[in-house]
Amino acid sequence: MPVSDLIVYQAAWSPHSAFTYASASQDGIMQLWDMQADNQKPQIYLAASENELLCIDWAKYATNMVVTGSSDCKTRGWDLRNYSQPVFEIIDHGHAVKKVKFSPFHPTTFASVSYDTTLR
């Protein structure tokens, strides 16, 4: 699929670096971008889901942690220092996960919202 045909569902700025953001896209790929890099390519290109990757958020207290939500009803946590496999995977919704958000007050707490109208 040509890059111009891909849909990016969400991009999120890192709360730890003014020049870094991550994106979640239709092809299930999470990309981490550094605006200061010379090569204009993603620093991380990760197949985070076999389905559409709908949402992403950064942990506020853990510099290298992001959480993703996908159309396969899963939320996954990723340590960006070693992203060969997720740190955790939760299958807790009946439909696609449309939003994930880390708590600004608790380092290990995040919420997810699904098209099944539930909040976890």
Protein backbone atom coordinates (compact mmCIF):
# COMPACT_ATOMS: atom_id res chain seq x y z
CA MET A 1 0.00 0.00 0.00
CA PRO A 2 1.52 3.38 -0.94
CA VAL A 3 2.23 5.62 2.02
CA SER A 4 -0.14 8.28 0.67
CA ASP A 5 -3.06 5.83 0.99
CA LEU A 6 -2.53 5.09 4.68
CA ILE A 7 -4.74 6.60 7.33
CA VAL A 8 -3.08 7.86 10.50
CA TYR A 9 -5.70 7.64 13.24
CA GLN A 10 -3.77 9.42 15.98
CA ALA A 11 -0.49 11.12 16.73
CA ALA A 12 0.67 12.00 20.25
CA TRP A 13 3.50 14.27 21.37
CA SER A 14 5.89 12.88 23.92
CA PRO A 15 5.50 14.62 27.29
CA HIS A 16 9.26 14.10 27.74
CA SER A 17 10.66 15.59 24.53
CA ALA A 18 9.42 18.57 22.55
CA PHE A 19 10.72 17.03 19.31
CA THR A 20 9.29 13.50 19.57
CA TYR A 21 5.88 12.12 18.69
CA ALA A 22 4.35 8.73 17.94
CA SER A 23 1.65 7.79 15.46
CA ALA A 24 -0.90 4.99 15.12
CA SER A 25 -2.07 4.00 11.66
CA GLN A 26 -4.43 1.89 9.63
CA ASP A 27 -1.80 -0.73 8.77
CA GLY A 28 -1.21 -1.56 12.48
CA ILE A 29 2.11 0.29 12.57
CA MET A 30 3.27 2.48 15.44
CA GLN A 31 5.95 4.95 14.40
CA LEU A 32 8.09 7.12 16.63
CA TRP A 33 9.39 10.29 15.02
CA ASP A 34 12.20 12.61 16.10
CA MET A 35 11.91 16.00 14.42
CA GLN A 36 15.61 16.66 15.07
CA ALA A 37 16.75 13.60 13.10
CA ASP A 38 18.38 14.33 9.77
CA ASN A 39 17.01 11.35 7.88
CA GLN A 40 13.28 12.22 8.09
CA LYS A 41 12.45 8.57 8.77
CA PRO A 42 10.79 7.14 11.87
CA GLN A 43 13.18 6.20 14.68
CA ILE A 44 10.93 3.24 15.49
CA TYR A 45 8.73 1.41 13.00
CA LEU A 46 6.79 -1.26 14.90
CA ALA A 47 4.07 -3.65 13.78
CA ALA A 48 2.06 -3.14 16.97
CA SER A 49 -1.06 -4.94 15.70
CA GLU A 50 -2.13 -7.20 12.86
CA ASN A 51 -5.23 -4.99 12.59
CA GLU A 52 -5.83 -1.26 12.53
CA LEU A 53 -3.98 0.63 15.26
CA LEU A 54 -6.51 3.25 16.35
CA CYS A 55 -4.93 5.10 19.27
CA ILE A 56 -1.75 5.75 21.22
CA ASP A 57 -0.66 7.60 24.35
CA TRP A 58 2.59 8.22 26.23
CA ALA A 59 3.10 7.45 29.91
CA LYS A 60 3.65 10.66 31.83
CA TYR A 61 6.03 9.16 34.41
CA ALA A 62 7.85 6.51 32.35
CA THR A 63 9.87 8.08 29.55
CA ASN A 64 9.94 4.97 27.37
CA MET A 65 6.39 3.64 27.78
CA VAL A 66 3.48 3.97 25.36
CA VAL A 67 0.12 2.24 25.21
CA THR A 68 -1.75 1.41 22.00
CA GLY A 69 -5.33 0.38 21.23
CA SER A 70 -6.45 -1.49 18.14
CA SER A 71 -9.43 -2.79 16.24
CA ASP A 72 -8.75 -6.33 17.52
CA CYS A 73 -10.05 -5.23 20.98
CA LYS A 74 -6.55 -5.17 22.53
CA THR A 75 -4.57 -2.63 24.47
CA ARG A 76 -0.84 -3.16 24.56
CA GLY A 77 1.94 -1.49 26.50
CA TRP A 78 5.32 -0.99 24.83
CA ASP A 79 8.71 -0.24 26.34
CA LEU A 80 10.47 1.71 23.60
CA ARG A 81 13.91 0.56 24.79
CA ASN A 82 13.02 -3.03 23.87
CA TYR A 83 9.88 -3.24 21.75
CA SER A 84 10.26 -6.78 20.36
CA GLN A 85 7.12 -7.73 22.27
CA PRO A 86 4.59 -5.82 24.38
CA VAL A 87 5.15 -5.39 28.12
CA PHE A 88 1.46 -6.18 28.57
CA GLU A 89 -1.54 -7.08 26.46
CA ILE A 90 -5.12 -6.72 27.67
CA ILE A 91 -8.13 -8.10 25.82
CA ASP A 92 -10.95 -6.55 27.78
CA HIS A 93 -13.34 -5.01 25.26
CA GLY A 94 -15.95 -6.53 22.97
CA HIS A 95 -15.20 -4.11 20.11
CA ALA A 96 -12.32 -2.01 18.83
CA VAL A 97 -10.44 0.18 21.32
CA LYS A 98 -10.90 3.76 20.13
CA LYS A 99 -9.02 5.71 22.82
CA VAL A 100 -6.32 5.11 25.43
CA LYS A 101 -5.05 7.62 27.96
CA PHE A 102 -2.48 7.41 30.74
CA SER A 103 -3.34 9.02 34.05
CA PRO A 104 -1.54 12.28 34.75
CA PHE A 105 -1.62 11.38 38.47
CA HIS A 106 -0.71 7.68 38.72
CA PRO A 107 2.29 6.20 36.88
CA THR A 108 0.80 2.74 36.23
CA THR A 109 -2.82 3.67 35.49
CA PHE A 110 -4.41 4.15 32.10
CA ALA A 111 -7.96 4.05 30.75
CA SER A 112 -9.31 2.62 27.51
CA VAL A 113 -12.59 3.30 25.73
CA SER A 114 -14.16 1.02 23.16
CA TYR A 115 -16.82 1.11 20.48
CA ASP A 116 -18.74 -1.31 22.74
CA THR A 117 -19.38 1.84 24.87
CA THR A 118 -17.32 0.62 27.83
CA LEU A 119 -14.57 2.31 29.80
CA ARG A 120 -11.88 0.15 31.37
